[in-house]
N, C-alpha and C. Protein backbone atom coordinates (compact mmCIF):
# COMPACT_ATOMS: atom_id res chain seq x y z
N MET A 1 182.69 88.18 274.49
CA MET A 1 182.73 88.90 273.23
C MET A 1 181.31 88.92 272.65
N SER A 2 180.82 90.08 272.36
CA SER A 2 179.46 90.23 271.86
C SER A 2 179.49 90.47 270.35
N SER A 3 178.65 89.73 269.65
CA SER A 3 178.58 89.89 268.20
C SER A 3 177.28 90.58 267.82
N LYS A 4 177.16 90.94 266.56
CA LYS A 4 175.92 91.55 266.07
C LYS A 4 174.77 90.55 266.13
N LEU A 5 175.07 89.28 265.88
CA LEU A 5 174.03 88.26 265.97
C LEU A 5 173.51 88.12 267.38
N SER A 6 174.40 88.29 268.36
CA SER A 6 173.99 88.10 269.75
C SER A 6 172.93 89.13 270.16
N ILE A 7 172.97 90.30 269.58
CA ILE A 7 171.94 91.31 269.87
C ILE A 7 170.57 90.80 269.46
N VAL A 8 170.52 90.14 268.29
CA VAL A 8 169.25 89.63 267.77
C VAL A 8 168.77 88.44 268.60
N TYR A 9 169.64 87.43 268.81
CA TYR A 9 169.14 86.25 269.52
C TYR A 9 168.89 86.52 271.00
N ARG A 10 169.58 87.46 271.59
CA ARG A 10 169.26 87.83 272.98
C ARG A 10 167.91 88.53 273.06
N ALA A 11 167.61 89.35 272.06
CA ALA A 11 166.29 90.01 272.01
C ALA A 11 165.19 88.96 271.81
N LEU A 12 165.41 88.02 270.91
CA LEU A 12 164.43 86.96 270.69
C LEU A 12 164.23 86.13 271.95
N ASP A 13 165.32 85.79 272.62
CA ASP A 13 165.22 85.01 273.86
C ASP A 13 164.51 85.80 274.95
N LYS A 14 164.72 87.09 274.97
CA LYS A 14 164.04 87.93 275.97
C LYS A 14 162.53 87.93 275.72
N VAL A 15 162.13 88.06 274.46
CA VAL A 15 160.70 88.00 274.12
C VAL A 15 160.13 86.65 274.52
N LEU A 16 160.84 85.57 274.18
CA LEU A 16 160.37 84.24 274.56
C LEU A 16 160.27 84.08 276.07
N GLY A 17 161.20 84.68 276.78
CA GLY A 17 161.17 84.62 278.25
C GLY A 17 159.97 85.36 278.83
N VAL A 18 159.67 86.53 278.26
CA VAL A 18 158.50 87.29 278.73
C VAL A 18 157.21 86.53 278.45
N VAL A 19 157.10 85.97 277.25
CA VAL A 19 155.91 85.19 276.89
C VAL A 19 155.79 83.98 277.83
N ALA A 20 156.90 83.31 278.11
CA ALA A 20 156.88 82.15 279.01
C ALA A 20 156.48 82.55 280.42
N THR A 21 156.95 83.70 280.87
CA THR A 21 156.58 84.18 282.21
C THR A 21 155.08 84.45 282.28
N VAL A 22 154.56 85.11 281.26
CA VAL A 22 153.12 85.37 281.21
C VAL A 22 152.36 84.05 281.13
N GLY A 23 152.82 83.14 280.28
CA GLY A 23 152.16 81.85 280.13
C GLY A 23 152.23 81.00 281.38
N SER A 24 153.31 81.16 282.14
CA SER A 24 153.44 80.33 283.35
C SER A 24 152.43 80.72 284.43
N THR A 25 151.84 81.90 284.30
CA THR A 25 150.78 82.25 285.25
C THR A 25 149.57 81.34 285.07
N ALA A 26 149.48 80.68 283.93
CA ALA A 26 148.41 79.71 283.71
C ALA A 26 148.53 78.54 284.69
N MET A 27 149.75 78.30 285.20
CA MET A 27 149.91 77.24 286.21
C MET A 27 149.13 77.59 287.47
N LEU A 28 149.20 78.84 287.88
CA LEU A 28 148.43 79.28 289.04
C LEU A 28 146.93 79.14 288.78
N ALA A 29 146.51 79.54 287.59
CA ALA A 29 145.10 79.39 287.22
C ALA A 29 144.71 77.93 287.22
N LEU A 30 145.55 77.07 286.68
CA LEU A 30 145.27 75.64 286.63
C LEU A 30 145.10 75.07 288.03
N VAL A 31 145.98 75.43 288.93
CA VAL A 31 145.90 74.93 290.31
C VAL A 31 144.62 75.44 290.98
N CYS A 32 144.36 76.73 290.83
CA CYS A 32 143.17 77.31 291.47
C CYS A 32 141.87 76.69 290.92
N ILE A 33 141.79 76.55 289.63
CA ILE A 33 140.58 75.97 289.02
C ILE A 33 140.40 74.52 289.47
N THR A 34 141.50 73.77 289.49
CA THR A 34 141.43 72.36 289.88
C THR A 34 141.02 72.22 291.34
N VAL A 35 141.62 73.01 292.21
CA VAL A 35 141.26 72.96 293.63
C VAL A 35 139.80 73.34 293.82
N TYR A 36 139.38 74.40 293.16
CA TYR A 36 137.98 74.83 293.26
C TYR A 36 137.03 73.75 292.75
N ASP A 37 137.39 73.11 291.64
CA ASP A 37 136.57 72.03 291.09
C ASP A 37 136.46 70.87 292.08
N VAL A 38 137.58 70.47 292.67
CA VAL A 38 137.57 69.38 293.65
C VAL A 38 136.74 69.77 294.88
N MET A 39 136.92 71.00 295.33
CA MET A 39 136.19 71.45 296.53
C MET A 39 134.67 71.48 296.28
N THR A 40 134.26 71.86 295.08
CA THR A 40 132.83 71.90 294.79
C THR A 40 132.26 70.51 294.60
N ARG A 41 133.03 69.61 294.07
CA ARG A 41 132.53 68.26 293.82
C ARG A 41 132.49 67.39 295.05
N TYR A 42 133.57 67.41 295.80
CA TYR A 42 133.71 66.43 296.88
C TYR A 42 133.49 66.99 298.28
N PHE A 43 133.52 68.30 298.42
CA PHE A 43 133.38 68.88 299.75
C PHE A 43 132.19 69.83 299.86
N GLY A 44 131.36 69.89 298.83
CA GLY A 44 130.11 70.64 298.89
C GLY A 44 130.23 72.15 298.82
N LEU A 45 131.39 72.67 298.46
CA LEU A 45 131.53 74.12 298.29
C LEU A 45 130.62 74.55 297.14
N PRO A 46 129.79 75.57 297.35
CA PRO A 46 128.87 75.96 296.27
C PRO A 46 129.64 76.58 295.09
N LYS A 47 129.11 76.33 293.91
CA LYS A 47 129.70 76.90 292.69
C LYS A 47 129.19 78.32 292.50
N PHE A 48 130.01 79.15 291.86
CA PHE A 48 129.57 80.49 291.51
C PHE A 48 128.41 80.40 290.53
N GLN A 49 127.56 81.38 290.56
CA GLN A 49 126.40 81.41 289.66
C GLN A 49 126.86 81.31 288.20
N GLY A 50 126.27 80.40 287.45
CA GLY A 50 126.58 80.25 286.03
C GLY A 50 127.69 79.27 285.73
N LEU A 51 128.38 78.75 286.76
CA LEU A 51 129.45 77.77 286.55
C LEU A 51 128.92 76.36 286.78
N ASN A 52 129.47 75.43 286.03
CA ASN A 52 129.16 74.03 286.26
C ASN A 52 130.45 73.21 286.17
N SER A 53 130.36 71.94 286.52
CA SER A 53 131.56 71.09 286.53
C SER A 53 132.18 70.96 285.15
N THR A 54 131.37 70.90 284.12
CA THR A 54 131.91 70.78 282.76
C THR A 54 132.73 72.02 282.40
N MET A 55 132.23 73.19 282.73
CA MET A 55 132.98 74.43 282.46
C MET A 55 134.29 74.44 283.23
N LEU A 56 134.27 73.99 284.47
CA LEU A 56 135.50 73.97 285.26
C LEU A 56 136.51 73.00 284.66
N GLN A 57 136.05 71.82 284.26
CA GLN A 57 136.98 70.85 283.68
C GLN A 57 137.55 71.36 282.35
N GLU A 58 136.73 71.99 281.55
CA GLU A 58 137.24 72.56 280.30
C GLU A 58 138.20 73.71 280.58
N ALA A 59 137.91 74.51 281.60
CA ALA A 59 138.82 75.60 281.97
C ALA A 59 140.17 75.03 282.43
N GLU A 60 140.15 73.87 283.07
CA GLU A 60 141.40 73.23 283.47
C GLU A 60 142.25 72.88 282.26
N TYR A 61 141.65 72.28 281.25
CA TYR A 61 142.48 71.94 280.08
C TYR A 61 142.84 73.18 279.28
N TRP A 62 142.03 74.22 279.33
CA TRP A 62 142.41 75.49 278.68
C TRP A 62 143.66 76.05 279.37
N ALA A 63 143.67 76.08 280.69
CA ALA A 63 144.83 76.61 281.43
C ALA A 63 146.06 75.76 281.15
N HIS A 64 145.90 74.45 281.08
CA HIS A 64 147.01 73.57 280.77
C HIS A 64 147.54 73.85 279.36
N THR A 65 146.64 74.06 278.43
CA THR A 65 147.03 74.35 277.05
C THR A 65 147.79 75.67 276.97
N VAL A 66 147.30 76.69 277.65
CA VAL A 66 147.98 77.99 277.64
C VAL A 66 149.38 77.85 278.25
N LEU A 67 149.47 77.14 279.35
CA LEU A 67 150.77 76.92 279.99
C LEU A 67 151.74 76.27 279.01
N PHE A 68 151.32 75.19 278.41
CA PHE A 68 152.19 74.44 277.51
C PHE A 68 152.56 75.26 276.27
N THR A 69 151.57 75.88 275.65
CA THR A 69 151.82 76.56 274.38
C THR A 69 152.68 77.81 274.54
N PHE A 70 152.60 78.49 275.67
CA PHE A 70 153.36 79.71 275.85
C PHE A 70 154.76 79.47 276.42
N VAL A 71 155.00 78.30 276.98
CA VAL A 71 156.28 78.04 277.63
C VAL A 71 157.19 77.14 276.78
N MET A 72 156.62 76.39 275.85
CA MET A 72 157.38 75.39 275.11
C MET A 72 158.57 75.98 274.34
N ALA A 73 158.41 77.07 273.66
CA ALA A 73 159.50 77.64 272.86
C ALA A 73 160.65 78.10 273.74
N TYR A 74 160.32 78.72 274.87
CA TYR A 74 161.37 79.14 275.81
C TYR A 74 162.13 77.92 276.32
N ALA A 75 161.39 76.86 276.65
CA ALA A 75 162.03 75.64 277.13
C ALA A 75 162.98 75.07 276.08
N PHE A 76 162.60 75.18 274.82
CA PHE A 76 163.47 74.70 273.73
C PHE A 76 164.79 75.45 273.74
N THR A 77 164.77 76.75 273.98
CA THR A 77 166.02 77.53 273.98
C THR A 77 166.87 77.24 275.22
N ARG A 78 166.31 76.55 276.19
CA ARG A 78 167.05 76.22 277.42
C ARG A 78 167.39 74.73 277.52
N GLN A 79 167.31 74.04 276.38
CA GLN A 79 167.66 72.62 276.31
C GLN A 79 166.82 71.77 277.26
N SER A 80 165.55 72.12 277.42
CA SER A 80 164.65 71.38 278.28
C SER A 80 163.90 70.29 277.54
N HIS A 81 164.19 70.11 276.27
CA HIS A 81 163.54 69.08 275.48
C HIS A 81 164.38 67.80 275.52
N VAL A 82 163.78 66.73 275.09
CA VAL A 82 164.46 65.44 275.11
C VAL A 82 165.45 65.38 273.95
N ARG A 83 166.65 64.95 274.27
CA ARG A 83 167.67 64.73 273.26
C ARG A 83 168.21 63.32 273.43
N ILE A 84 168.45 62.67 272.33
CA ILE A 84 169.11 61.37 272.36
C ILE A 84 170.40 61.55 271.57
N ASP A 85 171.45 61.86 272.28
CA ASP A 85 172.69 62.30 271.66
C ASP A 85 173.85 61.34 271.86
N LEU A 86 173.60 60.06 271.81
CA LEU A 86 174.67 59.10 272.06
C LEU A 86 175.79 59.22 271.03
N VAL A 87 175.44 59.41 269.79
CA VAL A 87 176.45 59.51 268.74
C VAL A 87 176.98 60.94 268.65
N ARG A 88 176.09 61.90 268.69
CA ARG A 88 176.47 63.29 268.52
C ARG A 88 177.42 63.78 269.61
N ASP A 89 177.28 63.25 270.83
CA ASP A 89 178.11 63.73 271.94
C ASP A 89 179.60 63.50 271.74
N VAL A 90 179.97 62.51 270.94
CA VAL A 90 181.39 62.23 270.73
C VAL A 90 181.95 62.95 269.50
N MET A 91 181.11 63.69 268.81
CA MET A 91 181.55 64.39 267.60
C MET A 91 182.22 65.72 267.97
N PRO A 92 183.05 66.23 267.07
CA PRO A 92 183.67 67.54 267.29
C PRO A 92 182.61 68.65 267.36
N ARG A 93 182.95 69.69 268.05
CA ARG A 93 182.03 70.81 268.27
C ARG A 93 181.48 71.38 266.96
N ARG A 94 182.29 71.57 265.96
CA ARG A 94 181.83 72.14 264.69
C ARG A 94 180.79 71.23 264.02
N ILE A 95 180.98 69.93 264.12
CA ILE A 95 180.00 68.99 263.56
C ILE A 95 178.69 69.09 264.33
N LYS A 96 178.78 69.25 265.65
CA LYS A 96 177.56 69.40 266.46
C LYS A 96 176.77 70.63 266.00
N TYR A 97 177.50 71.73 265.78
CA TYR A 97 176.82 72.94 265.30
C TYR A 97 176.20 72.71 263.93
N ALA A 98 176.93 72.02 263.04
CA ALA A 98 176.41 71.75 261.70
C ALA A 98 175.15 70.89 261.77
N LEU A 99 175.15 69.88 262.63
CA LEU A 99 173.96 69.03 262.80
C LEU A 99 172.79 69.82 263.38
N GLU A 100 173.10 70.69 264.31
CA GLU A 100 172.05 71.52 264.91
C GLU A 100 171.44 72.44 263.84
N ILE A 101 172.27 73.06 263.05
CA ILE A 101 171.80 73.94 261.97
C ILE A 101 170.95 73.13 260.98
N PHE A 102 171.43 71.96 260.62
CA PHE A 102 170.67 71.10 259.71
C PHE A 102 169.29 70.78 260.30
N GLY A 103 169.25 70.37 261.54
CA GLY A 103 167.99 70.03 262.18
C GLY A 103 167.03 71.21 262.27
N LEU A 104 167.57 72.38 262.55
CA LEU A 104 166.74 73.58 262.65
C LEU A 104 166.17 73.97 261.28
N LEU A 105 167.04 73.97 260.26
CA LEU A 105 166.62 74.42 258.93
C LEU A 105 165.78 73.40 258.17
N VAL A 106 166.02 72.13 258.39
CA VAL A 106 165.33 71.10 257.63
C VAL A 106 164.09 70.56 258.36
N PHE A 107 164.15 70.52 259.68
CA PHE A 107 163.04 69.92 260.42
C PHE A 107 162.23 70.93 261.24
N LEU A 108 162.86 71.53 262.24
CA LEU A 108 162.10 72.34 263.19
C LEU A 108 161.41 73.55 262.58
N MET A 109 162.16 74.39 261.91
CA MET A 109 161.58 75.64 261.40
C MET A 109 160.55 75.40 260.30
N PRO A 110 160.80 74.51 259.33
CA PRO A 110 159.74 74.24 258.34
C PRO A 110 158.50 73.62 258.99
N PHE A 111 158.71 72.69 259.93
CA PHE A 111 157.57 72.08 260.60
C PHE A 111 156.75 73.13 261.35
N ALA A 112 157.43 74.02 262.08
CA ALA A 112 156.73 75.05 262.84
C ALA A 112 155.95 75.97 261.90
N ALA A 113 156.54 76.34 260.77
CA ALA A 113 155.86 77.22 259.82
C ALA A 113 154.64 76.53 259.21
N ILE A 114 154.80 75.29 258.79
CA ILE A 114 153.68 74.56 258.18
C ILE A 114 152.58 74.31 259.20
N ALA A 115 152.96 73.92 260.40
CA ALA A 115 151.97 73.67 261.45
C ALA A 115 151.22 74.95 261.81
N ALA A 116 151.94 76.07 261.90
CA ALA A 116 151.28 77.34 262.21
C ALA A 116 150.27 77.69 261.12
N TYR A 117 150.64 77.47 259.87
CA TYR A 117 149.74 77.75 258.75
C TYR A 117 148.45 76.94 258.87
N TYR A 118 148.59 75.64 259.07
CA TYR A 118 147.40 74.79 259.14
C TYR A 118 146.60 75.04 260.42
N CYS A 119 147.28 75.32 261.51
CA CYS A 119 146.57 75.61 262.75
C CYS A 119 145.85 76.96 262.67
N TYR A 120 146.41 77.89 261.90
CA TYR A 120 145.73 79.17 261.70
C TYR A 120 144.37 78.93 261.05
N ASN A 121 144.35 78.12 260.01
CA ASN A 121 143.08 77.81 259.34
C ASN A 121 142.12 77.12 260.31
N TYR A 122 142.63 76.22 261.11
CA TYR A 122 141.85 75.51 262.12
C TYR A 122 141.22 76.50 263.11
N ALA A 123 142.01 77.46 263.60
CA ALA A 123 141.51 78.47 264.54
C ALA A 123 140.55 79.44 263.84
N TRP A 124 140.89 79.83 262.60
CA TRP A 124 140.03 80.77 261.88
C TRP A 124 138.65 80.17 261.61
N ILE A 125 138.61 78.91 261.22
CA ILE A 125 137.33 78.25 260.98
C ILE A 125 136.53 78.17 262.28
N SER A 126 137.21 77.92 263.38
CA SER A 126 136.53 77.88 264.68
C SER A 126 135.93 79.25 265.01
N TRP A 127 136.68 80.32 264.74
CA TRP A 127 136.17 81.68 264.99
C TRP A 127 135.01 82.01 264.04
N ARG A 128 135.19 81.70 262.78
CA ARG A 128 134.17 81.98 261.77
C ARG A 128 132.85 81.29 262.10
N ASP A 129 132.94 80.04 262.57
CA ASP A 129 131.75 79.26 262.86
C ASP A 129 131.24 79.47 264.28
N ASP A 130 131.90 80.35 265.04
CA ASP A 130 131.53 80.61 266.44
C ASP A 130 131.42 79.30 267.21
N GLU A 131 132.47 78.50 267.09
CA GLU A 131 132.49 77.16 267.69
C GLU A 131 132.38 77.23 269.21
N ILE A 132 131.59 76.33 269.75
CA ILE A 132 131.45 76.20 271.19
C ILE A 132 131.79 74.77 271.58
N SER A 133 131.79 74.52 272.86
CA SER A 133 132.08 73.18 273.37
C SER A 133 131.08 72.17 272.82
N ARG A 134 131.52 70.94 272.67
CA ARG A 134 130.60 69.89 272.23
C ARG A 134 129.56 69.60 273.31
N SER A 135 129.93 69.90 274.54
CA SER A 135 128.96 69.75 275.63
C SER A 135 128.03 70.96 275.62
N THR A 136 126.76 70.71 275.79
CA THR A 136 125.79 71.83 275.77
C THR A 136 125.98 72.78 276.94
N ILE A 137 126.69 72.35 277.96
CA ILE A 137 126.91 73.21 279.14
C ILE A 137 128.38 73.59 279.29
N GLY A 138 129.14 73.48 278.19
CA GLY A 138 130.57 73.78 278.23
C GLY A 138 130.88 75.22 277.88
N LEU A 139 132.15 75.48 277.65
CA LEU A 139 132.64 76.83 277.36
C LEU A 139 132.36 77.21 275.91
N THR A 140 132.31 78.49 275.68
CA THR A 140 132.14 79.02 274.33
C THR A 140 133.48 79.56 273.83
N ASN A 141 133.48 80.13 272.64
CA ASN A 141 134.69 80.76 272.06
C ASN A 141 135.88 79.81 272.02
N ILE A 142 135.67 78.64 271.50
CA ILE A 142 136.73 77.64 271.38
C ILE A 142 137.88 78.16 270.52
N TRP A 143 137.61 79.11 269.65
CA TRP A 143 138.67 79.66 268.79
C TRP A 143 139.80 80.26 269.63
N LEU A 144 139.50 80.73 270.83
CA LEU A 144 140.56 81.30 271.68
C LEU A 144 141.64 80.26 271.99
N ILE A 145 141.20 79.09 272.40
CA ILE A 145 142.17 78.06 272.77
C ILE A 145 142.86 77.50 271.53
N LYS A 146 142.13 77.41 270.43
CA LYS A 146 142.75 76.94 269.19
C LYS A 146 143.78 77.93 268.67
N SER A 147 143.59 79.20 268.94
CA SER A 147 144.54 80.23 268.51
C SER A 147 145.87 80.10 269.24
N THR A 148 145.84 79.59 270.47
CA THR A 148 147.11 79.45 271.19
C THR A 148 148.02 78.43 270.52
N ILE A 149 147.44 77.50 269.78
CA ILE A 149 148.27 76.52 269.06
C ILE A 149 149.04 77.22 267.94
N VAL A 150 148.41 78.16 267.28
CA VAL A 150 149.09 78.95 266.25
C VAL A 150 150.24 79.73 266.90
N ILE A 151 149.95 80.34 268.03
CA ILE A 151 150.97 81.11 268.76
C ILE A 151 152.13 80.20 269.15
N MET A 152 151.81 78.98 269.61
CA MET A 152 152.85 78.05 270.02
C MET A 152 153.82 77.76 268.87
N PHE A 153 153.28 77.48 267.69
CA PHE A 153 154.16 77.17 266.56
C PHE A 153 154.91 78.42 266.09
N GLY A 154 154.28 79.59 266.17
CA GLY A 154 154.99 80.83 265.85
C GLY A 154 156.15 81.06 266.80
N LEU A 155 155.92 80.84 268.09
CA LEU A 155 156.98 80.99 269.08
C LEU A 155 158.07 79.94 268.89
N LEU A 156 157.68 78.74 268.51
CA LEU A 156 158.67 77.70 268.26
C LEU A 156 159.55 78.07 267.06
N PHE A 157 158.96 78.68 266.05
CA PHE A 157 159.74 79.16 264.91
C PHE A 157 160.74 80.23 265.36
N VAL A 158 160.29 81.15 266.20
CA VAL A 158 161.18 82.19 266.74
C VAL A 158 162.31 81.56 267.55
N ALA A 159 161.99 80.56 268.36
CA ALA A 159 163.02 79.87 269.14
C ALA A 159 164.02 79.19 268.22
N GLY A 160 163.53 78.60 267.13
CA GLY A 160 164.43 77.99 266.15
C GLY A 160 165.34 79.01 265.50
N ALA A 161 164.79 80.18 265.18
CA ALA A 161 165.61 81.24 264.59
C ALA A 161 166.68 81.70 265.58
N SER A 162 166.31 81.82 266.83
CA SER A 162 167.27 82.21 267.86
C SER A 162 168.39 81.18 267.98
N GLN A 163 168.01 79.91 268.02
CA GLN A 163 169.01 78.85 268.12
C GLN A 163 169.90 78.80 266.87
N LEU A 164 169.32 79.07 265.71
CA LEU A 164 170.09 79.09 264.47
C LEU A 164 171.16 80.18 264.53
N LEU A 165 170.78 81.36 264.97
CA LEU A 165 171.75 82.46 265.08
C LEU A 165 172.83 82.13 266.11
N LYS A 166 172.45 81.46 267.18
CA LYS A 166 173.43 81.05 268.18
C LYS A 166 174.40 80.03 267.60
N CYS A 167 173.88 79.12 266.78
CA CYS A 167 174.76 78.12 266.14
C CYS A 167 175.77 78.80 265.21
N ILE A 168 175.31 79.77 264.46
CA ILE A 168 176.22 80.51 263.57
C ILE A 168 177.27 81.22 264.41
N ASP A 169 176.84 81.86 265.49
CA ASP A 169 177.79 82.53 266.39
C ASP A 169 178.75 81.51 267.01
N GLY A 170 178.24 80.33 267.33
CA GLY A 170 179.11 79.29 267.90
C GLY A 170 180.16 78.82 266.91
N LEU A 171 179.75 78.67 265.65
CA LEU A 171 180.72 78.29 264.62
C LEU A 171 181.80 79.35 264.46
N LEU A 172 181.43 80.60 264.70
CA LEU A 172 182.40 81.69 264.60
C LEU A 172 183.23 81.86 265.88
N GLY A 173 182.91 81.03 266.89
CA GLY A 173 183.67 81.08 268.15
C GLY A 173 183.28 82.21 269.08
N ASN A 174 182.06 82.71 268.94
CA ASN A 174 181.64 83.86 269.74
C ASN A 174 180.81 83.52 270.98
N LEU A 175 180.62 82.24 271.28
CA LEU A 175 179.79 81.87 272.42
C LEU A 175 180.63 81.49 273.63
N THR A 176 180.11 81.83 274.81
CA THR A 176 180.74 81.39 276.04
C THR A 176 180.36 79.92 276.26
N ASP A 177 180.97 79.29 277.25
CA ASP A 177 180.64 77.88 277.54
C ASP A 177 179.18 77.72 277.94
N ASP A 178 178.64 78.64 278.73
CA ASP A 178 177.23 78.56 279.13
C ASP A 178 176.31 78.74 277.93
N GLU A 179 176.65 79.68 277.07
CA GLU A 179 175.83 79.89 275.87
C GLU A 179 175.89 78.66 274.96
N GLU A 180 177.08 78.10 274.85
CA GLU A 180 177.23 76.91 274.02
C GLU A 180 176.40 75.75 274.57
N TYR A 181 176.34 75.62 275.89
CA TYR A 181 175.52 74.57 276.50
C TYR A 181 174.04 74.79 276.16
N ASN A 182 173.59 76.04 276.14
CA ASN A 182 172.20 76.33 275.82
C ASN A 182 171.88 76.13 274.34
N VAL A 183 172.89 75.96 273.54
CA VAL A 183 172.67 75.68 272.12
C VAL A 183 172.81 74.19 271.83
N LEU A 184 173.87 73.60 272.34
CA LEU A 184 174.17 72.21 272.00
C LEU A 184 173.74 71.21 273.07
N GLY A 185 173.45 71.68 274.25
CA GLY A 185 173.12 70.75 275.32
C GLY A 185 174.38 70.12 275.86
N GLY A 186 174.21 69.31 276.86
CA GLY A 186 175.35 68.66 277.48
C GLY A 186 175.26 67.16 277.36
N GLY A 187 176.16 66.48 278.03
CA GLY A 187 176.20 65.02 277.99
C GLY A 187 174.91 64.38 278.46
N HIS A 188 174.99 63.20 278.94
CA HIS A 188 173.81 62.41 279.27
C HIS A 188 173.34 62.73 280.65
């Protein structure tokens, strides 16, 4: 049974899935950069003109940051986060939904909004000041990587909104068992 809310949260989940797919390509970049760095350091493979070990190491953490920041919200909608549900698991389904709604509205969504606000200022100041690596031979344009943190919290807010709509639909009895699992999670 499809509800009007399901149109919205499926669209939100689709956007999060596309962003996560794009972000997951950073894993390939991370592997390639790391292998290249190891090959140049320990096996004498020459570096490309203008590259140094510091730039490669910073590029590795940039790729890791992009991977994490673009995939985290999607993972949240798929119950890939840590839950400690010893008490909640024995509660009735409606109480589980109520607790989930409470957690989303009181903790996750306000935190994501506040964090995005403060991280925006952090990234904007970095852009304004044309921040570069603390290492004299490191990467420039640090504001790019700091901006991904803003994106991460924005995506987390969207994931929270999607989960909130799913909880409302669950309370109305409109979710399938699989959809309910993606909202409430399962046992231990």
